[in-house]
Protein backbone atom coordinates (compact mmCIF):
# COMPACT_ATOMS: atom_id res chain seq x y z
CA UNK A 1 53.22 -38.23 90.36
CA UNK A 2 53.58 -38.35 86.78
CA UNK A 3 56.29 -35.25 87.14
CA UNK A 4 58.29 -37.52 89.81
CA UNK A 5 58.41 -40.30 87.81
CA UNK A 6 58.98 -38.21 84.61
CA UNK A 7 62.26 -36.71 86.77
CA UNK A 8 63.28 -40.03 87.76
CA UNK A 9 63.47 -41.17 84.44
CA UNK A 10 66.94 -39.28 83.83
CA UNK A 11 68.34 -40.17 87.21
CA UNK A 12 70.84 -42.68 85.74
CA UNK A 13 72.18 -39.52 83.68
CA UNK A 14 72.43 -37.23 86.22
CA UNK A 15 73.66 -39.70 88.88
CA UNK A 16 76.75 -39.80 85.92
CA UNK A 17 77.62 -36.31 86.07
CA UNK A 18 77.65 -36.54 90.14
CA UNK A 19 79.55 -39.46 90.25
CA UNK A 20 81.99 -37.70 87.65
CA UNK A 21 81.95 -34.48 89.87
CA UNK A 22 82.64 -36.79 93.17
CA UNK A 23 79.15 -35.61 94.42
CA UNK A 24 78.67 -39.27 95.31
CA UNK A 25 75.73 -38.62 98.72
CA UNK A 26 73.73 -36.95 95.88
CA UNK A 27 74.20 -39.68 93.50
CA UNK A 28 73.43 -42.38 95.80
CA UNK A 29 70.32 -40.36 97.05
CA UNK A 30 68.99 -40.22 93.41
CA UNK A 31 69.82 -43.96 92.05
CA UNK A 32 67.89 -45.22 95.85
CA UNK A 33 64.68 -42.97 94.55
CA UNK A 34 64.51 -44.33 91.45
CA UNK A 35 65.16 -48.03 92.35
CA UNK A 36 62.53 -47.71 94.68
CA UNK A 37 60.51 -46.58 91.87
CA UNK A 38 61.65 -49.03 89.24
CA UNK A 39 63.72 -51.75 90.96
CA UNK A 40 64.56 -53.62 87.85
CA UNK A 41 66.57 -50.80 86.61
CA UNK A 42 69.58 -52.10 85.18
CA UNK A 43 71.79 -49.07 84.60
CA UNK A 44 70.60 -47.65 88.25
CA UNK A 45 72.01 -51.00 89.99
CA UNK A 46 75.38 -50.57 87.80
CA UNK A 47 75.31 -47.07 89.13
CA UNK A 48 74.58 -47.99 92.70
CA UNK A 49 77.49 -50.37 92.29
CA UNK A 50 79.49 -47.51 91.52
CA UNK A 51 78.18 -45.56 94.60
CA UNK A 52 78.99 -48.78 97.22
CA UNK A 53 82.26 -49.00 95.98
CA UNK A 54 83.39 -45.22 96.46
CA UNK A 55 81.97 -45.41 99.92
CA UNK A 56 83.94 -48.62 100.29
CA UNK A 57 80.98 -51.09 100.68
CA UNK A 58 82.46 -53.68 98.73
CA UNK A 59 79.63 -56.67 99.74
CA UNK A 60 76.98 -54.20 99.05
CA UNK A 61 78.79 -53.14 95.38
CA UNK A 62 78.88 -56.84 94.43
CA UNK A 63 75.21 -57.23 95.42
CA UNK A 64 74.44 -54.22 93.27
CA UNK A 65 76.01 -56.24 90.33
CA UNK A 66 74.19 -59.36 90.76
CA UNK A 67 70.74 -57.76 91.07
CA UNK A 68 71.70 -55.86 87.39
CA UNK A 69 72.96 -59.25 86.09
CA UNK A 70 69.71 -60.98 87.62
CA UNK A 71 67.51 -58.96 85.68
CA UNK A 72 69.51 -58.71 82.69
CA UNK A 73 72.01 -61.43 82.01
CA UNK A 74 73.05 -59.60 78.80
CA UNK A 75 73.82 -56.21 80.08
CA UNK A 76 77.61 -56.10 79.21
CA UNK A 77 78.26 -52.94 81.45
CA UNK A 78 77.34 -54.50 84.52
CA UNK A 79 79.70 -57.65 83.31
CA UNK A 80 82.53 -54.71 82.35
CA UNK A 81 82.15 -53.63 85.82
CA UNK A 82 82.23 -56.99 87.64
CA UNK A 83 85.34 -57.82 85.60
CA UNK A 84 86.90 -54.44 86.88
CA UNK A 85 85.44 -55.38 90.58
CA UNK A 86 87.17 -58.54 90.63
CA UNK A 87 90.76 -57.46 89.38
CA UNK A 88 93.54 -59.07 90.90
CA UNK A 89 95.40 -61.94 91.48
CA UNK A 90 92.97 -63.50 94.32
CA UNK A 91 90.10 -63.14 92.37
CA UNK A 92 91.31 -63.09 88.77
CA UNK A 93 89.50 -65.78 87.23
CA UNK A 94 86.27 -63.84 88.15
CA UNK A 95 87.59 -61.46 86.46
CA UNK A 96 88.25 -63.31 83.49
CA UNK A 97 84.90 -64.96 83.45
CA UNK A 98 83.33 -61.73 83.73
CA UNK A 99 85.43 -60.13 80.71
CA UNK A 100 84.48 -62.82 78.66
CA UNK A 101 80.31 -62.18 79.43
CA UNK A 102 81.13 -58.75 78.47
CA UNK A 103 82.72 -59.46 74.90
CA UNK A 104 79.79 -62.16 74.58
CA UNK A 105 77.11 -59.50 75.27
CA UNK A 106 78.84 -56.79 73.24
CA UNK A 107 81.48 -58.45 70.95
CA UNK A 108 81.32 -54.79 69.11
CA UNK A 109 81.99 -52.66 72.03
CA UNK A 110 85.98 -51.65 72.44
CA UNK A 111 85.34 -51.22 76.45
CA UNK A 112 84.26 -54.89 76.64
CA UNK A 113 87.80 -56.23 75.03
CA UNK A 114 89.61 -53.48 77.47
CA UNK A 115 87.89 -55.31 80.27
CA UNK A 116 88.90 -58.95 79.16
CA UNK A 117 92.58 -57.56 78.40
CA UNK A 118 92.84 -56.19 81.93
CA UNK A 119 91.25 -59.28 83.35
CA UNK A 120 93.95 -61.38 81.46
CA UNK A 121 96.73 -59.49 83.35
CA UNK A 122 96.63 -62.46 85.86
CA UNK A 123 98.70 -64.98 85.09
CA UNK A 124 101.59 -63.67 83.35
CA UNK A 125 101.47 -66.29 80.45
CA UNK A 126 98.24 -64.86 79.62
CA UNK A 127 99.90 -61.51 78.44
CA UNK A 128 100.26 -62.39 74.60
CA UNK A 129 96.70 -63.36 74.24
CA UNK A 130 95.73 -60.03 76.16
CA UNK A 131 97.65 -57.81 73.70
CA UNK A 132 95.66 -59.27 70.76
CA UNK A 133 92.45 -58.66 72.68
CA UNK A 134 93.52 -55.07 73.51
CA UNK A 135 94.39 -55.18 69.52
CA UNK A 136 90.99 -56.14 68.70
CA UNK A 137 89.92 -52.85 71.42
CA UNK A 138 91.90 -50.48 68.69
CA UNK A 139 90.46 -51.78 65.70
CA UNK A 140 86.50 -51.16 67.20
CA UNK A 141 87.72 -47.98 68.25
CA UNK A 142 90.71 -46.51 66.64
CA UNK A 143 89.67 -43.02 68.29
CA UNK A 144 89.72 -44.21 71.98
CA UNK A 145 92.69 -43.26 73.45
CA UNK A 146 91.80 -46.04 76.51
CA UNK A 147 92.12 -48.50 73.78
CA UNK A 148 95.67 -47.59 73.07
CA UNK A 149 96.36 -47.14 76.52
CA UNK A 150 95.82 -50.97 76.96
CA UNK A 151 97.81 -52.01 74.48
CA UNK A 152 100.76 -49.51 75.68
CA UNK A 153 99.85 -51.80 78.89
CA UNK A 154 100.71 -54.60 77.80
CA UNK A 155 103.23 -53.49 75.07
CA UNK A 156 105.29 -52.56 78.45
CA UNK A 157 104.82 -55.97 79.95
CA UNK A 158 105.85 -58.08 77.23
CA UNK A 159 108.73 -55.32 76.73
CA UNK A 160 107.55 -54.47 72.90
CA UNK A 161 109.29 -51.13 72.87
CA UNK A 162 108.18 -51.13 69.27
CA UNK A 163 104.43 -51.26 70.41
CA UNK A 164 105.02 -48.59 73.45
CA UNK A 165 106.22 -45.96 70.89
CA UNK A 166 103.69 -46.64 68.31
CA UNK A 167 100.47 -47.23 70.53
CA UNK A 168 101.45 -43.88 72.62
CA UNK A 169 101.40 -42.13 68.73
CA UNK A 170 98.41 -43.37 67.89
CA UNK A 171 96.71 -41.85 70.92
CA UNK A 172 98.12 -38.69 70.28
CA UNK A 173 96.44 -38.85 66.60
CA UNK A 174 92.83 -39.65 68.37
CA UNK A 175 93.92 -36.83 70.73
CA UNK A 176 96.81 -34.31 70.83
CA UNK A 177 96.17 -33.52 74.36
CA UNK A 178 96.58 -36.92 75.82
CA UNK A 179 98.59 -36.92 78.75
CA UNK A 180 99.77 -40.65 79.29
CA UNK A 181 101.25 -40.36 75.78
CA UNK A 182 103.17 -37.76 75.89
CA UNK A 183 104.59 -38.79 78.83
CA UNK A 184 105.51 -42.15 77.17
CA UNK A 185 107.23 -40.52 74.38
CA UNK A 186 108.80 -38.26 76.58
CA UNK A 187 110.55 -41.09 78.61
CA UNK A 188 111.19 -43.51 75.24
CA UNK A 189 113.16 -40.17 73.79
CA UNK A 190 115.34 -39.71 77.24
CA UNK A 191 115.91 -43.59 76.98
CA UNK A 192 117.01 -43.19 73.03
CA UNK A 193 120.98 -42.74 73.38
CA UNK A 194 121.04 -41.19 69.59
CA UNK A 195 118.78 -38.54 71.00
CA UNK A 196 120.14 -34.82 71.59
CA UNK A 197 119.63 -33.35 75.00
CA UNK A 198 117.95 -30.47 73.74
CA UNK A 199 115.28 -32.76 71.90
CA UNK A 200 114.91 -34.88 75.34
CA UNK A 201 114.46 -31.80 77.30
CA UNK A 202 111.77 -30.40 74.69
CA UNK A 203 110.01 -33.85 75.05
CA UNK A 204 109.70 -33.32 78.56
CA UNK A 205 108.11 -29.71 78.24
CA UNK A 206 106.03 -30.75 75.85
CA UNK A 207 104.63 -33.52 78.28
CA UNK A 208 104.49 -30.94 81.12
CA UNK A 209 102.08 -28.86 79.03
CA UNK A 210 99.48 -31.50 79.95
CA UNK A 211 100.64 -32.60 82.91
CA UNK A 212 101.27 -29.57 84.68
CA UNK A 213 101.47 -31.24 88.35
CA UNK A 214 103.86 -34.45 87.48
CA UNK A 215 106.75 -33.99 89.82
CA UNK A 216 108.57 -36.94 88.13
CA UNK A 217 108.15 -35.05 84.72
CA UNK A 218 109.34 -31.74 86.18
CA UNK A 219 112.68 -33.58 87.96
CA UNK A 220 113.29 -35.16 84.61
CA UNK A 221 113.28 -31.82 82.61
CA UNK A 222 115.53 -29.87 85.37
CA UNK A 223 117.77 -33.62 84.94
CA UNK A 224 118.34 -32.89 81.23
CA UNK A 225 118.55 -29.19 81.90
CA UNK A 226 121.23 -29.61 84.47
CA UNK A 227 123.31 -31.84 81.81
CA UNK A 228 122.87 -29.20 79.23
CA UNK A 229 124.21 -27.04 81.97
CA UNK A 230 127.17 -29.32 82.78
CA UNK A 231 128.02 -29.26 78.87
CA UNK A 232 128.51 -25.59 78.48
CA UNK A 233 131.54 -25.64 80.59
CA UNK A 234 132.93 -27.81 77.83
CA UNK A 235 132.46 -24.85 75.28
CA UNK A 236 134.16 -23.00 78.06
CA UNK A 237 137.14 -25.23 78.30
CA UNK A 238 137.33 -25.22 74.68
CA UNK A 239 138.03 -21.43 74.71
CA UNK A 240 140.39 -21.53 77.35
CA UNK A 241 142.41 -23.84 74.91
CA UNK A 242 141.92 -21.59 72.28
CA UNK A 243 143.25 -18.99 74.41
CA UNK A 244 146.20 -21.07 75.60
CA UNK A 245 147.54 -21.81 71.70
CA UNK A 246 146.39 -18.04 70.41
CA UNK A 247 148.56 -16.41 73.63
CA UNK A 248 151.32 -18.63 73.05
CA UNK A 249 151.52 -19.64 76.49
CA UNK A 250 153.25 -22.62 76.33
CA UNK A 251 156.48 -22.32 73.92
CA UNK A 252 157.46 -24.63 71.45
CA UNK A 253 160.20 -24.77 68.66
CA UNK A 254 158.99 -21.92 66.77
CA UNK A 255 158.75 -17.78 67.09
CA UNK A 256 156.95 -17.56 70.22
CA UNK A 257 157.39 -14.00 70.88
CA UNK A 258 154.90 -12.03 72.89
CA UNK A 259 152.86 -10.69 72.91
CA UNK A 260 150.85 -12.14 70.01
CA UNK A 261 149.79 -10.28 67.14
CA UNK A 262 146.48 -8.16 67.43
CA UNK A 263 145.08 -9.77 64.37
CA UNK A 264 145.84 -13.29 65.71
CA UNK A 265 144.13 -12.27 69.24
CA UNK A 266 141.07 -10.58 67.44
CA UNK A 267 140.99 -13.74 65.32
CA UNK A 268 140.76 -16.05 68.45
CA UNK A 269 137.93 -13.97 70.50
CA UNK A 270 135.68 -14.28 66.86
CA UNK A 271 136.34 -18.14 67.57
CA UNK A 272 134.91 -18.06 70.59
CA UNK A 273 132.14 -15.80 69.57
CA UNK A 274 131.15 -18.69 67.19
CA UNK A 275 131.58 -21.47 69.35
CA UNK A 276 129.13 -19.98 71.82
CA UNK A 277 126.75 -18.93 69.06
CA UNK A 278 126.86 -22.07 67.54
CA UNK A 279 127.22 -24.67 70.63
CA UNK A 280 125.18 -22.73 73.17
CA UNK A 281 122.78 -19.63 72.18
CA UNK A 282 121.49 -20.92 69.03
CA UNK A 283 120.57 -23.83 70.72
CA UNK A 284 118.89 -22.32 73.53
CA UNK A 285 116.85 -19.77 71.40
CA UNK A 286 115.24 -23.11 69.43
CA UNK A 287 113.98 -24.77 72.65
CA UNK A 288 110.56 -24.29 73.86
CA UNK A 289 109.69 -21.69 76.20
CA UNK A 290 108.81 -23.88 79.26
CA UNK A 291 112.88 -25.32 79.02
CA UNK A 292 113.99 -21.97 78.72
CA UNK A 293 111.85 -21.04 81.56
CA UNK A 294 113.50 -23.87 83.49
CA UNK A 295 116.97 -22.95 82.93
CA UNK A 296 116.30 -19.77 84.56
CA UNK A 297 114.95 -21.39 87.50
CA UNK A 298 117.17 -23.94 87.58
CA UNK A 299 120.17 -21.81 87.68
CA UNK A 300 118.07 -19.59 90.22
CA UNK A 301 117.46 -22.24 92.82
CA UNK A 302 119.93 -25.37 92.15
CA UNK A 303 123.35 -24.96 93.92
CA UNK A 304 125.21 -27.44 91.19
CA UNK A 305 123.77 -25.12 88.31
CA UNK A 306 124.86 -22.18 89.71
CA UNK A 307 128.07 -23.98 89.96
CA UNK A 308 128.57 -24.80 86.42
CA UNK A 309 127.25 -21.76 84.79
CA UNK A 310 129.86 -19.62 87.36
CA UNK A 311 132.62 -22.13 86.42
CA UNK A 312 131.77 -21.70 82.43
CA UNK A 313 131.77 -17.87 82.93
CA UNK A 314 134.98 -18.07 85.00
CA UNK A 315 136.62 -19.79 82.53
CA UNK A 316 135.52 -17.46 79.62
CA UNK A 317 136.79 -14.37 81.54
CA UNK A 318 140.26 -16.05 82.05
CA UNK A 319 140.26 -17.15 78.37
CA UNK A 320 139.35 -13.62 77.45
CA UNK A 321 141.61 -11.60 79.41
CA UNK A 322 144.67 -14.15 78.38
CA UNK A 323 143.84 -13.26 74.20
CA UNK A 324 142.76 -9.59 74.86
CA UNK A 325 145.44 -8.22 76.94
CA UNK A 326 148.68 -8.26 75.19
CA UNK A 327 151.09 -9.49 77.65
CA UNK A 328 154.84 -9.64 77.39
CA UNK A 329 155.56 -12.08 80.05
CA UNK A 330 153.95 -15.52 80.28
CA UNK A 331 153.55 -16.34 84.07
CA UNK A 332 150.06 -14.50 84.92
CA UNK A 333 148.27 -15.60 81.88
CA UNK A 334 149.55 -18.91 82.52
CA UNK A 335 148.40 -18.75 86.23
CA UNK A 336 144.86 -17.88 84.76
CA UNK A 337 145.18 -20.69 82.44
CA UNK A 338 145.31 -23.28 84.78
CA UNK A 339 143.08 -21.38 87.34
CA UNK A 340 140.60 -22.27 84.89
CA UNK A 341 141.25 -25.41 83.63
CA UNK A 342 142.15 -27.48 86.74
CA UNK A 343 139.22 -26.45 89.00
CA UNK A 344 136.70 -27.33 86.30
CA UNK A 345 137.95 -30.31 85.28
CA UNK A 346 138.25 -31.58 89.02
CA UNK A 347 134.75 -30.60 89.14
CA UNK A 348 133.55 -32.76 86.05
CA UNK A 349 135.48 -35.57 87.16
CA UNK A 350 133.78 -35.53 90.74
CA UNK A 351 130.22 -35.22 89.19
CA UNK A 352 131.13 -38.32 86.75
CA UNK A 353 132.52 -40.33 89.94
CA UNK A 354 129.24 -39.14 92.00
CA UNK A 355 126.98 -40.30 89.31
CA UNK A 356 128.61 -43.63 88.61
CA UNK A 357 128.37 -44.42 92.59
């Protein structure tokens, strides 16, 4: 009998492990045995509440909390659970009362302040005060990302973008792998009008490093990649313009004899190479591996990605042919020039019109 009692003394801790791994039925059986042995174990009643809640037995879950607070009115964890249990518009006053009781019982416990802050979600005029309560949780436990998340939550509700980003950075200082903080900072970077597309893509790739299954992040990264691919067409169009000027396709008042000098044409090719080297390749090589892989995957699987790359390549082929060949007549290079320029500009216009609509 002594051995059985000794084995059940650690039932609460074992039940916590079982609940964390989703083995609710086993946890419930273990806690039931513990309560049969010691019905005043408030920690066991709190875990039984969680078991009932997992099973959708809300009335029994509330009764378990009643038993816990009846045996120990100052058991803060039971009040915290009660606050979350009643969280929501219909019962916000019960959640608020439980949150206040949790703070009264454990004023130095950060999770009690978090519970109280979240209980103040309703009504909305409590949001500024709830933010102050969340700050107190952070002061008590700056190493807890949950406390920083509560600050972020109310900062978002109050449209305090400065606090949104600072809370995420503070959470990353406490835990460099904090998923929600990476996501928040990536989204903030995307909203920043002064941020470069390559920086936005890197932020999304960083967030995906800790949130690999987040479909929203995947789509956002693909969107940033697509915008960068669209930008390559402007580089190609610049090279077409360089070819038109260097190849003397449109004669003016000065000497416009064909073909253009070999040195001039070679210089134009070197300038085109520099445009791509500094405008695309150098930037691409500096990107995170995840962004480069997304580039390849997007071009391989997406029609619009293939179109953007294909048009950029077509423009470059036309530009190189116009410059490299020593043309003696203007008709063919002029045709190549317009075949590169017009379809690409029309596609860009169509895409922008579609995005505005």
